[in-house]
Amino acid sequence: MVKHPEIEEGQIYSKIQPDLKRESGGKEGLQGISGDEKGADPMQFSGTEFCGSCLEMPEEQRKTMILKIQQVAERVLRAHGVIRRIEDLLKGEWFLKLGKPGFEKKFVIARSGEEIFVGLYSYSDDTPIPDPNLVLLSQNGFWYPQRIEEQFDETVCSFFTGAYGDYEYLNVIPENLEKFQVFQRDFARVLMEQGWEGPEVEVIEKIMPKN
């Protein structure tokens, strides 16, 4: 069973590890993944590099470069005061756990190390079960697809074969990236329909990013 981020003494610890034994459909540069608005495809990897950080972009341009799930997650983080500016996304680790009256699942958005978790969780004997959860890699303000976690199943989309922290090249599984693209759009729409920005939403746990 997949383990998930837990809070302990103000720190976020992620025990989820990429499956480095999966076969890769290709090895391409990490730079060059674009957003999914106006026909752009965030799953296309190329040698073309963007500017050093999406934080440098005008907001309207930036929205065309990031995934739908990142757009929705940022709106929720703003609504509940975890971030005030986009720069806050890069200030260390942070954690937001939300609940809604009459809704069994909890919604979690968190950063642990370089990984971002955006997911709904059900619980069995206080053990969180992803239902579903998206894991993304955070680099310079962009979130890149890594895997989809659905209860006890996992779909790996990309992983590194070198030492952790070596982000120059990324192994990707093209068919799984295509699945991630469709999945994250549908999931983002579901989250918006559920209204996690609303005033009736309960903040269960929150760790603010550090300066």
Protein backbone atom coordinates (compact mmCIF):
# COMPACT_ATOMS: atom_id res chain seq x y z
CA MET A 1 0.00 0.00 0.00
CA VAL A 2 1.26 3.46 -0.89
CA LYS A 3 2.18 5.69 2.04
CA HIS A 4 1.47 9.40 2.01
CA PRO A 5 2.62 12.71 3.47
CA GLU A 6 2.27 13.01 7.21
CA ILE A 7 2.74 15.92 9.56
CA GLU A 8 5.31 15.56 12.33
CA GLU A 9 6.75 18.39 14.41
CA GLY A 10 6.03 21.01 11.76
CA GLN A 11 7.74 19.11 8.95
CA ILE A 12 6.26 17.27 5.99
CA TYR A 13 7.67 13.82 5.27
CA SER A 14 6.85 12.03 2.04
CA LYS A 15 7.52 8.30 1.90
CA ILE A 16 6.33 7.86 -1.66
CA GLN A 17 9.18 6.85 -3.98
CA PRO A 18 9.17 6.64 -7.80
CA ASP A 19 9.35 3.14 -9.24
CA LEU A 20 12.74 3.33 -10.92
CA LYS A 21 12.36 -0.18 -12.33
CA ARG A 22 9.60 0.80 -14.75
CA GLU A 23 10.55 0.89 -18.40
CA SER A 24 10.84 4.30 -19.98
CA GLY A 25 9.32 5.30 -23.26
CA GLY A 26 11.97 7.93 -23.82
CA LYS A 27 14.62 10.16 -22.25
CA GLU A 28 14.19 13.84 -22.89
CA GLY A 29 15.04 17.21 -21.39
CA LEU A 30 12.89 18.36 -18.50
CA GLN A 31 12.79 21.89 -19.86
CA GLY A 32 10.26 22.45 -22.59
CA ILE A 33 7.09 21.06 -21.04
CA SER A 34 4.43 23.63 -21.78
CA GLY A 35 0.99 24.27 -20.36
CA ASP A 36 -2.33 22.97 -21.56
CA GLU A 37 -4.13 26.12 -22.61
CA LYS A 38 -4.67 27.43 -26.14
CA GLY A 39 -3.55 24.21 -27.76
CA ALA A 40 -0.26 23.89 -25.92
CA ASP A 41 0.56 20.40 -24.69
CA PRO A 42 2.27 20.05 -21.29
CA MET A 43 3.30 16.50 -22.11
CA GLN A 44 5.54 17.46 -25.02
CA PHE A 45 9.24 17.34 -24.10
CA SER A 46 11.74 19.17 -26.29
CA GLY A 47 15.10 20.87 -26.08
CA THR A 48 13.49 24.29 -26.06
CA GLU A 49 13.96 26.02 -22.70
CA PHE A 50 11.62 28.48 -21.10
CA CYS A 51 12.87 31.36 -19.02
CA GLY A 52 14.48 30.37 -15.73
CA SER A 53 11.24 30.56 -13.78
CA CYS A 54 7.55 30.86 -14.54
CA LEU A 55 7.53 33.47 -11.77
CA GLU A 56 9.10 35.89 -14.25
CA MET A 57 6.17 35.64 -16.67
CA PRO A 58 3.15 37.93 -16.85
CA GLU A 59 0.24 36.18 -15.14
CA GLU A 60 -1.84 35.67 -18.29
CA GLN A 61 1.12 34.17 -20.12
CA ARG A 62 1.93 31.96 -17.16
CA LYS A 63 -1.59 30.52 -17.14
CA THR A 64 -1.05 29.25 -20.68
CA MET A 65 2.07 27.36 -19.56
CA ILE A 66 0.91 25.49 -16.45
CA LEU A 67 -1.31 22.46 -16.04
CA LYS A 68 -5.00 22.80 -15.17
CA ILE A 69 -4.42 20.97 -11.89
CA GLN A 70 -1.76 23.52 -10.92
CA GLN A 71 -4.12 26.38 -11.74
CA VAL A 72 -6.84 24.92 -9.53
CA ALA A 73 -4.44 24.04 -6.70
CA GLU A 74 -3.03 27.58 -6.67
CA ARG A 75 -6.55 29.04 -6.44
CA VAL A 76 -7.36 26.84 -3.46
CA LEU A 77 -4.04 27.65 -1.76
CA ARG A 78 -4.74 31.36 -2.19
CA ALA A 79 -8.31 31.06 -0.94
CA HIS A 80 -7.12 29.50 2.32
CA GLY A 81 -4.15 31.79 2.85
CA VAL A 82 -1.32 29.31 2.29
CA ILE A 83 0.12 31.49 -0.46
CA ARG A 84 -0.40 35.15 -1.23
CA ARG A 85 2.03 35.42 -4.12
CA ILE A 86 3.21 32.82 -6.61
CA GLU A 87 6.70 33.10 -5.12
CA ASP A 88 5.36 31.50 -1.94
CA LEU A 89 5.11 28.18 -3.78
CA LEU A 90 8.91 27.93 -3.70
CA LYS A 91 9.36 28.80 0.00
CA GLY A 92 10.16 25.41 1.43
CA GLU A 93 7.52 22.86 2.37
CA TRP A 94 3.85 23.55 2.99
CA PHE A 95 0.69 21.55 3.64
CA LEU A 96 -3.07 22.10 3.38
CA LYS A 97 -5.73 19.54 4.37
CA LEU A 98 -9.39 20.41 3.83
CA GLY A 99 -12.74 18.85 4.63
CA LYS A 100 -16.34 19.58 3.71
CA PRO A 101 -19.58 18.90 5.65
CA GLY A 102 -21.17 15.69 4.39
CA PHE A 103 -18.17 14.84 2.18
CA GLU A 104 -16.23 11.80 3.34
CA LYS A 105 -12.95 12.41 1.49
CA LYS A 106 -10.35 15.01 2.51
CA PHE A 107 -8.56 17.23 0.02
CA VAL A 108 -4.80 17.62 0.43
CA ILE A 109 -2.35 19.91 -1.38
CA ALA A 110 1.24 19.68 -0.14
CA ARG A 111 4.84 20.20 -1.06
CA SER A 112 7.48 17.82 0.33
CA GLY A 113 10.98 18.33 -1.04
CA GLU A 114 10.53 18.84 -4.78
CA GLU A 115 7.29 16.86 -4.96
CA ILE A 116 3.78 18.30 -5.06
CA PHE A 117 0.77 16.25 -3.94
CA VAL A 118 -2.75 17.18 -5.05
CA GLY A 119 -5.33 14.61 -4.05
CA LEU A 120 -8.50 13.42 -2.42
CA TYR A 121 -8.02 10.88 0.36
CA SER A 122 -10.36 8.37 1.93
CA TYR A 123 -9.42 6.76 5.23
CA SER A 124 -9.28 3.19 6.54
CA ASP A 125 -8.43 2.94 10.26
CA ASP A 126 -6.96 6.46 10.05
CA THR A 127 -4.71 5.38 7.15
CA PRO A 128 -4.97 7.80 4.18
CA ILE A 129 -5.74 6.14 0.84
CA PRO A 130 -5.35 8.20 -2.37
CA ASP A 131 -8.68 8.46 -4.15
CA PRO A 132 -7.11 9.81 -6.38
CA ASN A 133 -3.84 11.69 -5.87
CA LEU A 134 -1.55 13.34 -8.42
CA VAL A 135 2.18 13.64 -7.73
CA LEU A 136 4.11 16.32 -9.59
CA LEU A 137 7.69 17.57 -9.63
CA SER A 138 8.14 21.24 -8.75
CA GLN A 139 10.85 23.05 -10.71
CA ASN A 140 11.10 26.85 -10.98
CA GLY A 141 7.37 27.25 -10.38
CA PHE A 142 6.28 24.67 -12.96
CA TRP A 143 4.69 21.39 -11.87
CA TYR A 144 5.61 18.36 -13.99
CA PRO A 145 3.71 15.04 -14.07
CA GLN A 146 5.22 12.14 -12.15
CA ARG A 147 2.48 9.67 -11.27
CA ILE A 148 -1.19 9.03 -10.63
CA GLU A 149 -2.17 7.19 -7.43
CA GLU A 150 -5.61 5.60 -7.28
CA GLN A 151 -6.23 3.67 -4.07
CA PHE A 152 -3.85 0.72 -4.38
CA ASP A 153 -2.81 1.30 -8.02
CA GLU A 154 -0.07 3.57 -9.34
CA THR A 155 0.62 4.89 -12.84
CA VAL A 156 4.20 6.13 -13.20
CA CYS A 157 4.57 8.85 -15.83
CA SER A 158 8.15 10.02 -15.38
CA PHE A 159 11.16 9.29 -13.21
CA PHE A 160 14.86 10.00 -12.86
CA THR A 161 17.49 7.28 -13.21
CA GLY A 162 20.33 9.35 -11.73
CA ALA A 163 20.87 10.46 -8.17
CA TYR A 164 17.97 12.31 -6.57
CA GLY A 165 18.31 15.98 -7.36
CA ASP A 166 19.74 15.44 -10.86
CA TYR A 167 17.04 17.14 -12.92
CA GLU A 168 18.85 17.50 -16.23
CA TYR A 169 17.21 14.48 -17.85
CA LEU A 170 13.97 12.72 -17.17
CA ASN A 171 12.76 9.29 -18.24
CA VAL A 172 9.18 9.45 -19.47
CA ILE A 173 6.52 6.90 -20.37
CA PRO A 174 4.61 8.58 -23.24
CA GLU A 175 1.38 6.60 -22.98
CA ASN A 176 1.18 7.32 -19.26
CA LEU A 177 1.87 11.01 -19.81
CA GLU A 178 -1.07 11.10 -22.19
CA LYS A 179 -3.21 9.47 -19.53
CA PHE A 180 -1.99 12.02 -16.98
CA GLN A 181 -2.91 14.87 -19.31
CA VAL A 182 -6.53 13.73 -19.60
CA PHE A 183 -6.73 12.70 -15.95
CA GLN A 184 -5.46 15.99 -14.53
CA ARG A 185 -7.89 18.02 -16.61
CA ASP A 186 -10.84 15.90 -15.51
CA PHE A 187 -9.68 15.94 -11.88
CA ALA A 188 -9.22 19.72 -11.94
CA ARG A 189 -12.79 20.11 -13.21
CA VAL A 190 -14.12 17.83 -10.45
CA LEU A 191 -12.28 19.81 -7.77
CA MET A 192 -13.70 23.08 -9.07
CA GLU A 193 -17.22 21.63 -9.08
CA GLN A 194 -16.75 20.47 -5.49
CA GLY A 195 -15.99 24.05 -4.45
CA TRP A 196 -12.86 23.73 -2.29
CA GLU A 197 -12.45 27.50 -2.31
CA GLY A 198 -15.79 28.08 -0.60
CA PRO A 199 -16.46 29.44 2.91
CA GLU A 200 -18.04 26.18 4.10
CA VAL A 201 -14.75 24.33 3.63
CA GLU A 202 -12.97 23.41 6.89
CA VAL A 203 -9.21 23.83 7.17
CA ILE A 204 -8.17 20.72 9.08
CA GLU A 205 -4.39 21.18 8.97
CA LYS A 206 -2.19 23.89 7.50
CA ILE A 207 1.56 24.48 7.40
CA MET A 208 2.62 27.78 5.92
CA PRO A 209 5.63 28.13 3.60
CA LYS A 210 8.71 29.58 5.25
CA ASN A 211 10.49 32.72 4.10
